[in-house]
Protein backbone atom coordinates (compact mmCIF):
# COMPACT_ATOMS: atom_id res chain seq x y z
CA MET A 1 -40.35 -3.96 -63.27
CA LYS A 2 -43.72 -2.29 -62.94
CA ILE A 3 -43.91 0.39 -60.27
CA ASN A 4 -46.95 1.89 -58.55
CA ILE A 5 -46.78 4.62 -55.92
CA GLU A 6 -49.61 5.50 -53.54
CA LYS A 7 -49.21 8.60 -51.37
CA PHE A 8 -50.94 9.04 -48.03
CA GLU A 9 -49.93 12.61 -47.25
CA GLU A 10 -52.33 12.88 -44.31
CA LYS A 11 -50.11 10.53 -42.33
CA CYS A 12 -46.71 10.89 -44.08
CA GLU A 13 -46.81 7.41 -45.56
CA LEU A 14 -46.09 6.10 -49.03
CA HIS A 15 -46.74 2.66 -50.55
CA PHE A 16 -44.22 1.76 -53.23
CA THR A 17 -45.40 -1.44 -54.97
CA ALA A 18 -43.12 -3.27 -57.37
CA THR A 19 -44.24 -6.10 -59.64
CA VAL A 20 -41.47 -7.98 -61.44
CA GLU A 21 -42.75 -8.93 -64.90
CA ALA A 22 -42.54 -12.55 -66.06
CA ASP A 23 -39.54 -12.31 -68.39
CA GLU A 24 -37.58 -10.19 -65.95
CA TRP A 25 -38.41 -12.53 -63.08
CA LYS A 26 -37.27 -15.60 -65.06
CA ASP A 27 -34.05 -13.79 -65.96
CA ALA A 28 -33.53 -12.89 -62.27
CA GLN A 29 -33.92 -16.55 -61.30
CA SER A 30 -31.43 -17.60 -63.98
CA LYS A 31 -28.88 -15.09 -62.69
CA ALA A 32 -29.51 -16.22 -59.12
CA THR A 33 -28.93 -19.84 -60.14
CA ALA A 34 -25.67 -18.91 -61.85
CA GLU A 35 -24.48 -16.98 -58.83
CA LEU A 36 -25.36 -19.80 -56.42
CA ALA A 37 -23.63 -22.31 -58.71
CA LYS A 38 -20.30 -20.62 -57.94
CA ASN A 39 -20.41 -22.21 -54.51
CA VAL A 40 -21.55 -25.68 -55.63
CA THR A 41 -19.16 -28.63 -55.78
CA VAL A 42 -20.00 -31.39 -58.29
CA LYS A 43 -17.96 -34.57 -58.33
CA GLY A 44 -15.39 -34.47 -61.11
CA PHE A 45 -15.29 -30.65 -61.25
CA ARG A 46 -13.58 -27.93 -59.28
CA LYS A 47 -15.87 -25.92 -57.01
CA GLY A 48 -17.98 -23.54 -59.10
CA HIS A 49 -16.76 -24.92 -62.43
CA ALA A 50 -19.38 -27.58 -63.11
CA PRO A 51 -21.76 -27.02 -66.05
CA LEU A 52 -24.70 -24.94 -64.90
CA ALA A 53 -27.25 -27.64 -65.80
CA GLN A 54 -25.49 -30.11 -63.51
CA ALA A 55 -24.81 -27.63 -60.70
CA ALA A 56 -28.47 -26.56 -60.73
CA LYS A 57 -29.45 -30.05 -59.59
CA TYR A 58 -27.73 -29.35 -56.27
CA ILE A 59 -29.34 -25.94 -55.70
CA SER A 60 -32.58 -25.61 -53.74
CA PRO A 61 -35.39 -23.91 -55.73
CA LYS A 62 -36.17 -21.95 -52.55
CA ASP A 63 -32.60 -20.61 -52.42
CA VAL A 64 -32.94 -19.51 -56.06
CA LEU A 65 -36.18 -17.67 -55.40
CA ASP A 66 -34.80 -16.05 -52.23
CA LYS A 67 -31.63 -14.91 -54.01
CA ALA A 68 -33.56 -13.53 -56.97
CA ALA A 69 -36.04 -11.79 -54.70
CA ASP A 70 -33.24 -10.16 -52.67
CA LYS A 71 -31.76 -8.72 -55.87
CA ALA A 72 -35.16 -7.48 -57.04
CA VAL A 73 -35.86 -5.83 -53.68
CA GLN A 74 -32.47 -4.08 -53.69
CA LYS A 75 -33.05 -2.83 -57.24
CA ALA A 76 -36.53 -1.57 -56.38
CA TYR A 77 -35.28 0.18 -53.26
CA SER A 78 -32.55 1.99 -55.22
CA GLU A 79 -35.10 3.07 -57.82
CA MET A 80 -37.45 4.28 -55.12
CA VAL A 81 -34.79 6.38 -53.39
CA ASP A 82 -32.84 7.66 -56.39
CA LYS A 83 -35.25 7.98 -59.30
CA ASN A 84 -38.31 9.05 -57.31
CA LYS A 85 -36.40 11.33 -54.90
CA ILE A 86 -37.96 9.67 -51.86
CA THR A 87 -36.31 10.12 -48.44
CA PRO A 88 -37.51 7.52 -45.94
CA ALA A 89 -37.63 8.81 -42.36
CA MET A 90 -36.93 5.33 -41.05
CA GLN A 91 -36.35 1.80 -42.32
CA PRO A 92 -39.24 0.89 -44.67
CA GLU A 93 -41.46 -2.08 -43.95
CA LEU A 94 -41.41 -4.76 -46.68
CA LYS A 95 -44.64 -6.61 -47.43
CA VAL A 96 -44.59 -9.53 -49.92
CA ASN A 97 -47.76 -9.64 -52.01
CA GLU A 98 -46.96 -12.57 -54.34
CA PHE A 99 -43.91 -14.79 -54.33
CA GLY A 100 -43.37 -17.84 -56.51
CA VAL A 101 -41.71 -19.21 -59.61
CA ASP A 102 -44.01 -17.29 -61.93
CA LYS A 103 -44.47 -13.99 -60.13
CA LEU A 104 -42.98 -11.59 -57.58
CA SER A 105 -44.76 -8.58 -56.16
CA PHE A 106 -43.94 -6.64 -53.00
CA THR A 107 -44.65 -3.32 -51.35
CA PHE A 108 -42.43 -0.96 -49.39
CA VAL A 109 -44.44 0.83 -46.71
CA VAL A 110 -42.40 4.00 -46.37
CA VAL A 111 -42.59 6.52 -43.54
CA THR A 112 -41.70 9.87 -45.05
CA MET A 113 -40.30 12.91 -43.28
CA PRO A 114 -42.72 15.04 -41.23
CA VAL A 115 -44.30 17.96 -43.05
CA PHE A 116 -44.23 21.34 -41.32
CA THR A 117 -45.83 24.29 -43.10
CA LEU A 118 -44.80 27.50 -41.40
CA GLY A 119 -47.57 29.93 -40.54
CA GLU A 120 -47.39 33.52 -39.27
CA TYR A 121 -44.34 34.01 -37.07
CA LYS A 122 -43.75 37.79 -37.02
CA GLY A 123 -45.73 40.66 -35.54
CA ILE A 124 -47.42 38.45 -32.95
CA THR A 125 -48.48 40.03 -29.65
CA ILE A 126 -48.49 37.95 -26.48
CA GLU A 127 -50.37 39.80 -23.74
CA LYS A 128 -48.56 39.96 -20.43
CA GLU A 129 -49.62 40.87 -16.91
CA ALA A 130 -47.97 43.59 -14.85
CA ILE A 131 -45.27 42.32 -12.54
CA GLU A 132 -46.21 42.83 -8.92
CA VAL A 133 -44.19 42.27 -5.76
CA THR A 134 -46.30 42.37 -2.60
CA ASP A 135 -45.35 42.93 1.03
CA GLU A 136 -46.13 39.25 1.56
CA ASP A 137 -43.52 38.33 -1.06
CA VAL A 138 -40.89 40.45 0.67
CA ASN A 139 -41.84 39.16 4.12
CA ALA A 140 -41.47 35.58 2.86
CA GLU A 141 -37.89 36.36 1.81
CA LEU A 142 -37.20 37.93 5.22
CA ASN A 143 -38.62 34.89 7.01
CA ASN A 144 -36.50 32.58 4.85
CA LEU A 145 -33.40 34.59 5.75
CA ALA A 146 -34.26 34.48 9.43
CA ASN A 147 -34.79 30.71 9.30
CA ARG A 148 -31.50 30.21 7.48
CA ASN A 149 -29.79 32.07 10.30
CA ALA A 150 -31.61 30.18 13.04
CA GLU A 151 -29.53 28.42 15.67
CA LEU A 152 -30.21 25.00 17.12
CA VAL A 153 -29.86 25.04 20.89
CA VAL A 154 -29.69 21.80 22.86
CA ALA A 155 -32.73 21.49 25.15
CA ASP A 156 -32.76 20.38 28.81
CA LEU A 157 -32.89 16.65 29.49
CA ASP A 158 -36.49 16.76 30.70
CA TYR A 159 -37.72 18.79 27.70
CA GLU A 160 -40.41 17.11 25.57
CA ALA A 161 -39.96 17.40 21.81
CA LYS A 162 -42.51 19.42 19.84
CA LEU A 163 -43.17 19.92 16.13
CA GLY A 164 -40.46 22.22 14.80
CA ASP A 165 -37.80 20.82 17.13
CA THR A 166 -34.89 18.78 15.83
CA VAL A 167 -34.27 15.37 17.39
CA VAL A 168 -30.88 13.68 17.11
CA ILE A 169 -31.65 9.97 16.89
CA ASP A 170 -30.29 6.51 16.26
CA PHE A 171 -32.83 4.20 14.61
CA LYS A 172 -33.14 0.78 13.06
CA GLY A 173 -36.15 -0.53 11.15
CA PHE A 174 -37.54 -4.06 11.17
CA VAL A 175 -40.15 -5.85 9.07
CA ASP A 176 -41.24 -9.26 10.39
CA ASN A 177 -38.43 -8.94 12.96
CA GLU A 178 -35.85 -8.67 10.17
CA ALA A 179 -33.80 -5.51 9.60
CA PHE A 180 -34.13 -4.09 6.07
CA ASP A 181 -31.72 -2.17 3.86
CA GLY A 182 -31.81 1.61 4.24
CA GLY A 183 -33.67 1.43 7.54
CA GLU A 184 -30.80 2.34 9.87
CA ALA A 185 -28.87 5.49 10.82
CA SER A 186 -26.92 6.97 13.73
CA SER A 187 -26.96 10.55 15.07
CA TYR A 188 -29.51 11.50 12.43
CA GLU A 189 -30.89 15.03 12.82
CA LEU A 190 -34.61 15.10 12.03
CA GLU A 191 -36.77 18.20 12.23
CA LEU A 192 -40.21 17.12 13.40
CA GLY A 193 -43.05 18.25 11.17
CA THR A 194 -41.09 18.37 7.91
CA ASN A 195 -42.56 15.01 6.77
CA THR A 196 -39.09 13.91 5.72
CA PHE A 197 -39.73 10.35 6.85
CA VAL A 198 -42.49 7.86 6.24
CA PRO A 199 -45.91 9.26 7.27
CA GLY A 200 -46.46 8.70 10.99
CA PHE A 201 -42.79 8.45 11.95
CA GLU A 202 -42.29 12.06 13.03
CA ASP A 203 -45.67 12.34 14.77
CA GLN A 204 -44.78 9.41 17.04
CA LEU A 205 -41.65 11.20 18.24
CA VAL A 206 -43.55 14.22 19.51
CA GLY A 207 -43.19 14.21 23.32
CA VAL A 208 -39.96 12.19 23.53
CA LYS A 209 -37.19 13.23 25.91
CA THR A 210 -33.41 13.01 25.64
CA ASN A 211 -32.04 9.49 26.25
CA GLU A 212 -35.50 7.97 25.75
CA ASP A 213 -35.99 4.77 23.72
CA ARG A 214 -39.19 4.49 21.73
CA ASP A 215 -40.69 2.03 19.26
CA VAL A 216 -42.26 3.67 16.23
CA VAL A 217 -44.74 1.36 14.55
CA LEU A 218 -46.15 2.24 11.15
CA THR A 219 -47.27 0.80 7.81
CA PHE A 220 -45.45 1.77 4.66
CA PRO A 221 -47.71 3.43 2.05
CA HIS A 222 -49.07 1.44 -0.89
CA ASN A 223 -47.04 3.59 -3.29
CA TYR A 224 -43.75 2.98 -1.47
CA VAL A 225 -40.87 0.94 -2.92
CA ALA A 226 -42.01 -2.54 -3.93
CA ASN A 227 -40.25 -4.59 -1.22
CA LEU A 228 -41.73 -2.46 1.60
CA ALA A 229 -45.09 -1.25 0.26
CA ASP A 230 -48.08 -1.99 2.56
CA LYS A 231 -45.86 -3.70 5.13
CA GLU A 232 -45.87 -2.94 8.87
CA ALA A 233 -42.52 -1.89 10.28
CA THR A 234 -41.13 -1.23 13.74
CA PHE A 235 -38.35 1.32 14.20
CA LYS A 236 -36.25 1.08 17.35
CA VAL A 237 -35.42 4.72 18.12
CA HIS A 238 -33.00 6.16 20.67
CA VAL A 239 -33.04 9.93 21.28
CA ASN A 240 -29.54 11.34 21.74
CA ALA A 241 -30.57 14.98 22.03
CA ILE A 242 -33.32 17.48 21.30
CA LYS A 243 -32.57 20.85 19.76
CA ASN A 244 -34.80 23.94 19.75
CA LYS A 245 -34.71 26.24 16.75
CA VAL A 246 -34.03 29.82 17.81
CA VAL A 247 -34.94 32.15 14.98
CA PRO A 248 -33.45 35.66 15.11
CA GLU A 249 -35.72 38.70 15.04
CA ILE A 250 -36.23 40.43 11.72
CA ASN A 251 -34.55 43.76 12.43
CA ASP A 252 -31.54 45.92 11.55
CA ASP A 253 -29.16 43.43 13.16
CA LEU A 254 -30.40 40.64 10.86
CA ALA A 255 -29.98 42.97 7.88
CA LYS A 256 -26.36 43.72 8.85
CA ASP A 257 -25.59 40.04 9.46
CA ALA A 258 -26.86 39.23 5.96
CA ASP A 259 -23.62 40.77 4.64
CA ILE A 260 -25.18 42.17 1.46
CA ASP A 261 -23.46 45.07 -0.33
CA GLY A 262 -25.31 48.35 0.26
CA VAL A 263 -27.56 46.87 2.96
CA ASP A 264 -27.08 48.26 6.49
CA ASN A 265 -30.61 48.22 7.87
CA LEU A 266 -33.98 46.50 7.56
CA GLU A 267 -35.48 48.98 5.10
CA GLN A 268 -32.55 48.60 2.74
CA LEU A 269 -32.86 44.82 3.06
CA LYS A 270 -36.53 45.03 2.09
CA GLU A 271 -35.65 47.12 -0.98
CA HIS A 272 -32.93 44.64 -1.88
CA TYR A 273 -35.38 41.75 -1.80
CA LYS A 274 -38.00 43.74 -3.67
CA THR A 275 -35.54 44.48 -6.50
CA GLN A 276 -34.39 40.87 -6.51
CA LEU A 277 -37.97 39.60 -6.70
CA ILE A 278 -38.80 41.98 -9.56
CA ASP A 279 -35.75 40.75 -11.50
CA ARG A 280 -36.67 37.12 -10.83
CA LYS A 281 -40.32 37.56 -11.83
CA THR A 282 -39.29 39.52 -14.91
CA LYS A 283 -37.02 36.69 -16.05
CA GLN A 284 -39.75 34.12 -15.35
CA GLN A 285 -42.22 36.20 -17.33
CA GLU A 286 -39.81 36.56 -20.27
CA ASN A 287 -39.36 32.79 -20.42
CA SER A 288 -43.09 32.23 -20.11
CA GLN A 289 -43.90 34.79 -22.82
CA TYR A 290 -41.40 33.28 -25.23
CA ALA A 291 -42.78 29.79 -24.62
CA LYS A 292 -46.27 31.12 -25.39
CA LEU A 293 -44.93 32.72 -28.59
CA VAL A 294 -43.43 29.43 -29.77
CA ASP A 295 -46.70 27.64 -29.02
CA LYS A 296 -48.60 30.34 -30.96
CA ILE A 297 -46.32 30.00 -33.99
CA CYS A 298 -46.79 26.22 -33.94
CA GLU A 299 -50.55 26.78 -33.62
CA ASN A 300 -50.42 29.04 -36.70
CA SER A 301 -48.53 26.35 -38.61
CA THR A 302 -49.53 22.88 -39.77
CA PHE A 303 -47.66 19.74 -38.87
CA VAL A 304 -48.07 16.14 -40.02
CA CYS A 305 -45.96 13.36 -38.57
CA HIS A 306 -46.20 9.58 -38.85
CA ASP A 307 -47.17 7.69 -35.69
CA ASN A 308 -44.07 5.51 -35.95
CA ILE A 309 -41.78 8.55 -35.69
CA VAL A 310 -43.70 9.78 -32.64
CA LYS A 311 -43.50 6.32 -31.10
CA GLN A 312 -39.77 6.05 -31.77
CA ASP A 313 -39.10 9.47 -30.22
CA ALA A 314 -41.35 8.67 -27.26
CA GLU A 315 -39.53 5.40 -26.60
CA ARG A 316 -36.26 7.34 -26.50
CA ILE A 317 -37.77 9.83 -24.05
CA VAL A 318 -39.01 7.01 -21.80
CA LYS A 319 -35.61 5.33 -21.92
CA ASP A 320 -33.91 8.58 -20.85
CA PHE A 321 -36.47 8.94 -18.05
CA GLU A 322 -35.77 5.40 -16.85
CA SER A 323 -32.03 6.17 -16.82
CA ARG A 324 -32.61 9.24 -14.65
CA LEU A 325 -34.75 7.19 -12.28
CA SER A 326 -32.03 4.56 -12.05
CA ALA A 327 -29.43 7.22 -11.24
CA GLN A 328 -31.62 8.20 -8.26
CA GLY A 329 -31.89 4.62 -7.06
CA PHE A 330 -35.41 3.95 -8.38
CA ASP A 331 -36.89 1.86 -11.15
CA VAL A 332 -40.05 2.32 -13.18
CA ASP A 333 -42.13 0.08 -10.92
CA ASP A 334 -41.18 2.21 -7.91
CA TYR A 335 -42.20 5.34 -9.80
CA LEU A 336 -45.52 3.86 -10.86
CA LYS A 337 -46.35 2.91 -7.29
CA MET A 338 -45.41 6.33 -5.95
CA THR A 339 -47.39 8.24 -8.57
CA GLY A 340 -50.28 5.87 -9.24
CA LYS A 341 -49.54 6.04 -12.97
CA THR A 342 -49.34 3.20 -15.48
CA LYS A 343 -46.75 2.47 -18.16
CA ASP A 344 -49.33 3.58 -20.74
CA ASP A 345 -49.61 6.92 -18.93
CA ILE A 346 -45.84 7.41 -19.16
CA MET A 347 -45.79 6.49 -22.85
CA ASN A 348 -48.73 8.79 -23.67
CA GLU A 349 -47.02 11.69 -21.87
CA ALA A 350 -43.83 10.92 -23.78
CA LYS A 351 -45.72 10.97 -27.09
CA VAL A 352 -47.11 14.43 -26.33
CA GLU A 353 -43.59 15.61 -25.53
CA ALA A 354 -42.24 13.95 -28.69
CA VAL A 355 -44.73 15.76 -30.95
CA LYS A 356 -43.95 19.05 -29.23
CA ASN A 357 -40.20 18.52 -29.69
CA GLU A 358 -40.65 17.68 -33.37
CA LYS A 359 -42.81 20.75 -33.97
CA HIS A 360 -40.32 23.05 -32.26
CA ALA A 361 -37.34 21.62 -34.14
CA TYR A 362 -39.07 22.07 -37.51
CA MET A 363 -40.26 25.55 -36.53
CA TYR A 364 -36.70 26.73 -35.84
CA ASP A 365 -35.43 25.11 -39.03
CA ARG A 366 -38.14 26.65 -41.24
CA ILE A 367 -37.82 30.15 -39.77
CA ALA A 368 -34.04 30.01 -40.20
CA ALA A 369 -34.52 29.03 -43.85
CA ALA A 370 -37.13 31.74 -44.45
CA GLU A 371 -34.99 34.46 -42.90
CA GLY A 372 -31.61 33.29 -44.21
CA ILE A 373 -30.28 32.61 -40.73
CA LYS A 374 -27.28 30.30 -41.05
CA ILE A 375 -24.48 28.98 -38.90
CA THR A 376 -21.09 29.15 -40.60
CA PRO A 377 -17.91 27.27 -39.63
CA GLU A 378 -16.61 30.60 -38.33
CA ASP A 379 -19.70 30.95 -36.10
CA LEU A 380 -19.00 27.52 -34.63
CA GLU A 381 -15.35 28.35 -33.99
CA ASN A 382 -16.30 31.63 -32.28
CA LYS A 383 -18.89 29.89 -30.08
CA ILE A 384 -16.43 27.18 -29.11
CA ALA A 385 -13.82 29.84 -28.27
CA GLU A 386 -16.42 31.66 -26.15
CA ILE A 387 -17.24 28.50 -24.20
CA ALA A 388 -13.55 27.67 -23.80
CA LYS A 389 -12.89 31.09 -22.30
CA GLN A 390 -15.93 30.80 -20.00
CA TYR A 391 -14.72 27.50 -18.53
CA ASN A 392 -10.99 28.30 -18.73
CA GLN A 393 -10.31 25.47 -21.17
CA SER A 394 -8.75 25.23 -24.60
CA ALA A 395 -10.86 25.20 -27.77
CA SER A 396 -9.51 21.74 -28.60
CA ASP A 397 -10.72 20.42 -25.24
CA ILE A 398 -14.22 21.76 -25.92
CA LYS A 399 -14.19 20.16 -29.38
CA LYS A 400 -13.26 16.82 -27.84
CA GLN A 401 -16.18 17.13 -25.43
CA ILE A 402 -18.53 17.92 -28.31
CA GLY A 403 -17.17 14.94 -30.24
CA ASN A 404 -19.62 13.62 -32.83
CA ARG A 405 -22.39 15.90 -31.57
CA LEU A 406 -21.25 18.84 -33.69
CA ASN A 407 -24.49 18.89 -35.74
CA GLY A 408 -26.53 19.09 -32.56
CA PHE A 409 -24.23 21.81 -31.25
CA ALA A 410 -24.70 23.77 -34.48
CA PHE A 411 -28.48 23.39 -34.33
CA ASN A 412 -28.50 24.70 -30.74
CA LEU A 413 -26.60 27.76 -31.94
CA LEU A 414 -29.12 28.15 -34.77
CA GLN A 415 -31.93 28.02 -32.22
CA GLU A 416 -30.25 30.83 -30.27
CA ARG A 417 -30.11 33.00 -33.40
CA VAL A 418 -33.74 32.27 -34.30
CA THR A 419 -34.78 32.97 -30.70
CA GLU A 420 -33.11 36.39 -30.88
CA PHE A 421 -34.89 37.05 -34.17
CA LEU A 422 -38.31 36.07 -32.77
CA LYS A 423 -37.90 38.19 -29.66
CA THR A 424 -36.98 41.18 -31.81
CA ASN A 425 -39.81 40.74 -34.34
CA ASN A 426 -42.69 40.01 -31.99
CA ASN A 427 -44.34 41.81 -29.10
CA ILE A 428 -43.77 39.73 -26.01
């Protein structure tokens, strides 16, 4: 068998062409005929025991060629993998160049593993801005606290609802005089102005009074769920009650009612929120700085990956996305209408994410190898014990939950170790 290998390193692809020489090909056909003859029944002989010359008359020439070709392909594949030390990243594509009684030639189009060449990854400085907490930031926290402690007080019967009020309503929606699924509720509390409902619904309830019945007529948006998009609907609404929001003053009493350790007055509450905001912004900045560091290391490095790997990863990402949508009661068509995107947009976004994921995975792997960072069986046992203690479970229970994902679990632990190393050896 004559072998020719063409390497296309710029796209992680290899063409492994095998040509079976004439004598070898004839021998392969003879062996194929003999093997097929074992299942041939010739009158006067037990199955598989007729002379080969007679049995051959009952064997299709096409079956002989197919059988011989299968054997040749298997042999070539073994030689490609074992003798040439080639590791396909996915199932190779088989292309038949010539196929007949006199000649067989075929090519494996092989996608090889991505190539990641690690660049500079230590001593990198990521500039960061000073963390600032303004009076406006603190006041926003105080206002949120006050609103969380607001009381809803039932208004007088002749009171007209305004934006910011909460109406307690029964409603039922109709399209073409037919009620539709999900368009009905009783004693539903709706704060006007929050845009919780379909655009136009809340605005049409401004001015209603308790015990009033009102028809709300609107058209569902174009990007709404498919069975309702662009359709006109009428909601029959009955107002059970109207509630005014009474927000407490921001003062020492609010600070005491917050029931926060060490906080007895408004000034202490402000300091509490200021410290909390600094901690929160510091954590956000740390995460942002590390993400920038990882991006910088990947920028310093080179990465080549075959399009088929990216496509395969992207398809998995899209499938996971569709599953999450389904869990929320949506499908892809609903999402496309709501966002104005196309399926190509989703796939292209997934491909970008897939490349980023591949780069990051290889980056962690290469840095671990360069720095001798390893995860031992003892490390895994200690981590499992730590998790078991955290969740008040046994180590065996945690192992059952991990199941056949132990390699992924180990790689996550490796990432943690590499992350610690990078944070220590760079200025972020």
